[in-house]
């Protein structure tokens, strides 16, 4: 079976090879039977070629549709990954922010505790100094009293 295009070319060749009618530019003598045979073949083959063309168009449309679906799936997947990455990034930022807050709070409390401990030690040492000073003063008084009592009880020469 020839293609429709080949059969149409055969018709052109038949017209070119046909005998021209004298005193006429566009009229020729052709075999009616030959023309009808070619037209019948065209008629028989045309639906088949149309079906093939439709099948090719349908395949093309199916391939394009499938490619669009795959592209949409890829885009959707990329968007989901981007959302997850943004969410992870936000979680990391929040964790860093919270970590910085905790660290700053710990430093502040540490400074306050050092200051309070220093003040407490200073207060204890001041009290100890005062107690020791009082005790030393009492000790000196007691020593003076003992010396004084010894002078009084010692025989006078």
C-alpha atoms as a PDB file:
ATOM      1  CA  UNK A   1       0.000   0.000   0.000  1.00  0.00           C
ATOM      2  CA  UNK A   2       1.299   3.413  -0.908  1.00  0.00           C
ATOM      3  CA  UNK A   3       0.892   6.443   1.199  1.00  0.00           C
ATOM      4  CA  UNK A   4      -1.692   9.051   0.286  1.00  0.00           C
ATOM      5  CA  UNK A   5       1.087  11.469  -0.521  1.00  0.00           C
ATOM      6  CA  UNK A   6       2.624   9.008  -3.020  1.00  0.00           C
ATOM      7  CA  UNK A   7      -0.779   8.471  -4.662  1.00  0.00           C
ATOM      8  CA  UNK A   8      -1.318  12.200  -5.028  1.00  0.00           C
ATOM      9  CA  UNK A   9       2.123  12.444  -6.635  1.00  0.00           C
ATOM     10  CA  UNK A  10       1.071   9.628  -9.006  1.00  0.00           C
ATOM     11  CA  UNK A  11      -1.972  11.714 -10.008  1.00  0.00           C
ATOM     12  CA  UNK A  12       0.274  14.705 -10.768  1.00  0.00           C
ATOM     13  CA  UNK A  13       2.564  12.514 -12.877  1.00  0.00           C
ATOM     14  CA  UNK A  14      -0.446  11.094 -14.747  1.00  0.00           C
ATOM     15  CA  UNK A  15      -1.641  14.636 -15.503  1.00  0.00           C
ATOM     16  CA  UNK A  16       1.843  15.730 -16.621  1.00  0.00           C
ATOM     17  CA  UNK A  17       2.210  12.669 -18.891  1.00  0.00           C
ATOM     18  CA  UNK A  18      -1.295  12.970 -20.377  1.00  0.00           C
ATOM     19  CA  UNK A  19      -1.935  14.178 -23.905  1.00  0.00           C
ATOM     20  CA  UNK A  20      -2.920  17.837 -24.097  1.00  0.00           C
ATOM     21  CA  UNK A  21      -6.034  18.874 -25.983  1.00  0.00           C
ATOM     22  CA  UNK A  22      -5.037  21.066 -28.916  1.00  0.00           C
ATOM     23  CA  UNK A  23      -5.815  24.794 -28.606  1.00  0.00           C
ATOM     24  CA  UNK A  24      -6.280  24.432 -24.825  1.00  0.00           C
ATOM     25  CA  UNK A  25      -3.812  25.303 -22.115  1.00  0.00           C
ATOM     26  CA  UNK A  26      -5.299  23.468 -19.137  1.00  0.00           C
ATOM     27  CA  UNK A  27      -7.140  20.532 -20.642  1.00  0.00           C
ATOM     28  CA  UNK A  28      -5.770  17.026 -21.160  1.00  0.00           C
ATOM     29  CA  UNK A  29      -6.885  13.507 -21.952  1.00  0.00           C
ATOM     30  CA  UNK A  30      -6.429  11.152 -18.967  1.00  0.00           C
ATOM     31  CA  UNK A  31      -7.431   7.615 -18.265  1.00  0.00           C
ATOM     32  CA  UNK A  32     -10.597   7.810 -16.179  1.00  0.00           C
ATOM     33  CA  UNK A  33     -10.010   4.282 -14.920  1.00  0.00           C
ATOM     34  CA  UNK A  34      -6.451   5.140 -13.796  1.00  0.00           C
ATOM     35  CA  UNK A  35      -7.626   8.316 -12.001  1.00  0.00           C
ATOM     36  CA  UNK A  36     -10.493   6.433 -10.322  1.00  0.00           C
ATOM     37  CA  UNK A  37      -8.133   3.668  -9.158  1.00  0.00           C
ATOM     38  CA  UNK A  38      -5.770   6.196  -7.567  1.00  0.00           C
ATOM     39  CA  UNK A  39      -8.686   8.129  -6.003  1.00  0.00           C
ATOM     40  CA  UNK A  40     -10.138   4.860  -4.625  1.00  0.00           C
ATOM     41  CA  UNK A  41      -6.750   4.007  -3.089  1.00  0.00           C
ATOM     42  CA  UNK A  42      -6.534   7.499  -1.602  1.00  0.00           C
ATOM     43  CA  UNK A  43     -10.048   7.131  -0.247  1.00  0.00           C
ATOM     44  CA  UNK A  44      -9.195   3.730   1.264  1.00  0.00           C
ATOM     45  CA  UNK A  45      -5.858   4.885   2.744  1.00  0.00           C
ATOM     46  CA  UNK A  46      -6.914   8.322   3.930  1.00  0.00           C
ATOM     47  CA  UNK A  47      -8.850   7.117   7.012  1.00  0.00           C
ATOM     48  CA  UNK A  48      -5.897   4.897   7.972  1.00  0.00           C
ATOM     49  CA  UNK A  49      -3.466   7.812   7.712  1.00  0.00           C
ATOM     50  CA  UNK A  50      -5.874  10.066   9.577  1.00  0.00           C
ATOM     51  CA  UNK A  51      -6.107   7.402  12.301  1.00  0.00           C
ATOM     52  CA  UNK A  52      -2.299   7.226  12.400  1.00  0.00           C
ATOM     53  CA  UNK A  53      -2.096  11.029  12.596  1.00  0.00           C
ATOM     54  CA  UNK A  54      -4.714  11.092  15.348  1.00  0.00           C
ATOM     55  CA  UNK A  55      -2.825   8.338  17.174  1.00  0.00           C
ATOM     56  CA  UNK A  56       0.399  10.328  16.876  1.00  0.00           C
ATOM     57  CA  UNK A  57      -1.369  13.471  18.139  1.00  0.00           C
ATOM     58  CA  UNK A  58      -2.930  11.470  20.989  1.00  0.00           C
ATOM     59  CA  UNK A  59       0.501  10.017  21.885  1.00  0.00           C
ATOM     60  CA  UNK A  60       1.989  13.502  21.756  1.00  0.00           C
ATOM     61  CA  UNK A  61      -0.784  14.859  23.995  1.00  0.00           C
ATOM     62  CA  UNK A  62      -0.354  11.928  26.399  1.00  0.00           C
ATOM     63  CA  UNK A  63       3.410  12.487  26.538  1.00  0.00           C
ATOM     64  CA  UNK A  64       2.930  16.227  27.102  1.00  0.00           C
ATOM     65  CA  UNK A  65       0.335  15.545  29.804  1.00  0.00           C
ATOM     66  CA  UNK A  66       2.607  13.029  31.485  1.00  0.00           C
ATOM     67  CA  UNK A  67       5.538  15.477  31.293  1.00  0.00           C
ATOM     68  CA  UNK A  68       3.348  18.210  32.816  1.00  0.00           C
ATOM     69  CA  UNK A  69       2.312  15.868  35.639  1.00  0.00           C
ATOM     70  CA  UNK A  70       5.920  14.929  36.302  1.00  0.00           C
ATOM     71  CA  UNK A  71       6.931  18.606  36.226  1.00  0.00           C
ATOM     72  CA  UNK A  72       4.157  19.457  38.689  1.00  0.00           C
ATOM     73  CA  UNK A  73       5.254  16.586  40.942  1.00  0.00           C
ATOM     74  CA  UNK A  74       8.854  17.805  40.816  1.00  0.00           C
ATOM     75  CA  UNK A  75       7.761  21.385  41.562  1.00  0.00           C
ATOM     76  CA  UNK A  76       5.536  20.187  44.420  1.00  0.00           C
ATOM     77  CA  UNK A  77       8.375  18.098  45.837  1.00  0.00           C
ATOM     78  CA  UNK A  78      10.782  21.035  45.565  1.00  0.00           C
ATOM     79  CA  UNK A  79       8.280  23.347  47.269  1.00  0.00           C
ATOM     80  CA  UNK A  80       7.808  20.822  50.100  1.00  0.00           C
ATOM     81  CA  UNK A  81      11.567  20.475  50.528  1.00  0.00           C
ATOM     82  CA  UNK A  82      11.926  24.260  50.538  1.00  0.00           C
ATOM     83  CA  UNK A  83       9.185  24.550  53.196  1.00  0.00           C
ATOM     84  CA  UNK A  84      10.906  21.909  55.334  1.00  0.00           C
ATOM     85  CA  UNK A  85      14.246  23.654  54.952  1.00  0.00           C
ATOM     86  CA  UNK A  86      12.690  26.991  55.894  1.00  0.00           C
ATOM     87  CA  UNK A  87      10.971  25.351  58.876  1.00  0.00           C
ATOM     88  CA  UNK A  88      14.248  23.730  59.963  1.00  0.00           C
ATOM     89  CA  UNK A  89      16.041  27.019  59.524  1.00  0.00           C
ATOM     90  CA  UNK A  90      13.389  28.771  61.613  1.00  0.00           C
ATOM     91  CA  UNK A  91      13.661  26.093  64.316  1.00  0.00           C
ATOM     92  CA  UNK A  92      17.441  26.520  64.360  1.00  0.00           C
ATOM     93  CA  UNK A  93      17.061  30.307  64.584  1.00  0.00           C
ATOM     94  CA  UNK A  94      14.587  29.981  67.444  1.00  0.00           C
ATOM     95  CA  UNK A  95      16.850  27.504  69.225  1.00  0.00           C
ATOM     96  CA  UNK A  96      19.829  29.834  68.797  1.00  0.00           C
ATOM     97  CA  UNK A  97      17.784  32.777  70.034  1.00  0.00           C
ATOM     98  CA  UNK A  98      16.613  30.766  73.074  1.00  0.00           C
ATOM     99  CA  UNK A  99      20.158  29.508  73.678  1.00  0.00           C
ATOM    100  CA  UNK A 100      21.450  33.092  73.624  1.00  0.00           C
ATOM    101  CA  UNK A 101      18.720  34.129  76.073  1.00  0.00           C
ATOM    102  CA  UNK A 102      19.569  31.262  78.437  1.00  0.00           C
ATOM    103  CA  UNK A 103      23.282  32.043  78.188  1.00  0.00           C
ATOM    104  CA  UNK A 104      22.712  35.754  78.864  1.00  0.00           C
ATOM    105  CA  UNK A 105      20.436  34.886  81.805  1.00  0.00           C
ATOM    106  CA  UNK A 106      23.048  32.469  83.172  1.00  0.00           C
ATOM    107  CA  UNK A 107      25.775  35.124  82.870  1.00  0.00           C
ATOM    108  CA  UNK A 108      23.575  37.680  84.646  1.00  0.00           C
ATOM    109  CA  UNK A 109      22.751  35.236  87.448  1.00  0.00           C
ATOM    110  CA  UNK A 110      26.415  34.230  87.713  1.00  0.00           C
ATOM    111  CA  UNK A 111      27.438  37.879  88.041  1.00  0.00           C
ATOM    112  CA  UNK A 112      24.726  38.470  90.650  1.00  0.00           C
ATOM    113  CA  UNK A 113      25.758  35.337  92.579  1.00  0.00           C
ATOM    114  CA  UNK A 114      29.443  36.357  92.521  1.00  0.00           C
ATOM    115  CA  UNK A 115      28.511  39.809  93.768  1.00  0.00           C
ATOM    116  CA  UNK A 116      26.268  38.381  96.511  1.00  0.00           C
ATOM    117  CA  UNK A 117      28.951  35.839  97.496  1.00  0.00           C
ATOM    118  CA  UNK A 118      31.563  38.608  97.620  1.00  0.00           C
ATOM    119  CA  UNK A 119      29.281  40.769  99.761  1.00  0.00           C
ATOM    120  CA  UNK A 120      28.517  37.806 102.042  1.00  0.00           C
ATOM    121  CA  UNK A 121      32.216  36.954 102.480  1.00  0.00           C
ATOM    122  CA  UNK A 122      33.016  40.621 103.095  1.00  0.00           C
ATOM    123  CA  UNK A 123      30.185  40.828 105.676  1.00  0.00           C
ATOM    124  CA  UNK A 124      31.382  37.634 107.450  1.00  0.00           C
ATOM    125  CA  UNK A 125      34.963  38.897 107.460  1.00  0.00           C
ATOM    126  CA  UNK A 126      33.886  42.328 108.769  1.00  0.00           C
ATOM    127  CA  UNK A 127      31.900  40.658 111.540  1.00  0.00           C
ATOM    128  CA  UNK A 128      34.844  38.361 112.315  1.00  0.00           C
ATOM    129  CA  UNK A 129      37.164  41.396 112.307  1.00  0.00           C
ATOM    130  CA  UNK A 130      34.814  43.271 114.654  1.00  0.00           C
ATOM    131  CA  UNK A 131      34.455  40.202 116.902  1.00  0.00           C
ATOM    132  CA  UNK A 132      38.206  39.683 116.925  1.00  0.00           C
ATOM    133  CA  UNK A 133      38.778  43.381 117.590  1.00  0.00           C
ATOM    134  CA  UNK A 134      36.334  43.241 120.539  1.00  0.00           C
ATOM    135  CA  UNK A 135      37.933  40.020 121.747  1.00  0.00           C
ATOM    136  CA  UNK A 136      41.403  41.546 121.381  1.00  0.00           C
ATOM    137  CA  UNK A 137      40.250  44.655 123.215  1.00  0.00           C
ATOM    138  CA  UNK A 138      38.784  42.475 125.982  1.00  0.00           C
ATOM    139  CA  UNK A 139      41.958  40.395 125.982  1.00  0.00           C
ATOM    140  CA  UNK A 140      44.089  43.566 126.330  1.00  0.00           C
ATOM    141  CA  UNK A 141      41.822  44.772 129.154  1.00  0.00           C
ATOM    142  CA  UNK A 142      42.082  41.444 130.846  1.00  0.00           C
ATOM    143  CA  UNK A 143      45.870  41.529 130.473  1.00  0.00           C
ATOM    144  CA  UNK A 144      46.005  45.069 131.861  1.00  0.00           C
ATOM    145  CA  UNK A 145      43.828  43.954 134.746  1.00  0.00           C
ATOM    146  CA  UNK A 146      46.113  41.008 135.408  1.00  0.00           C
ATOM    147  CA  UNK A 147      49.180  43.274 135.233  1.00  0.00           C
ATOM    148  CA  UNK A 148      47.555  45.802 137.455  1.00  0.00           C
ATOM    149  CA  UNK A 149      46.520  43.105 139.914  1.00  0.00           C
ATOM    150  CA  UNK A 150      50.046  41.725 139.870  1.00  0.00           C
ATOM    151  CA  UNK A 151      51.504  45.142 140.622  1.00  0.00           C
ATOM    152  CA  UNK A 152      49.157  45.617 143.499  1.00  0.00           C
ATOM    153  CA  UNK A 153      49.831  42.222 144.962  1.00  0.00           C
ATOM    154  CA  UNK A 154      53.535  42.353 144.488  1.00  0.00           C
ATOM    155  CA  UNK A 155      55.539  43.497 147.542  1.00  0.00           C
ATOM    156  CA  UNK A 156      56.689  46.974 147.267  1.00  0.00           C
ATOM    157  CA  UNK A 157      60.303  47.559 147.698  1.00  0.00           C
END
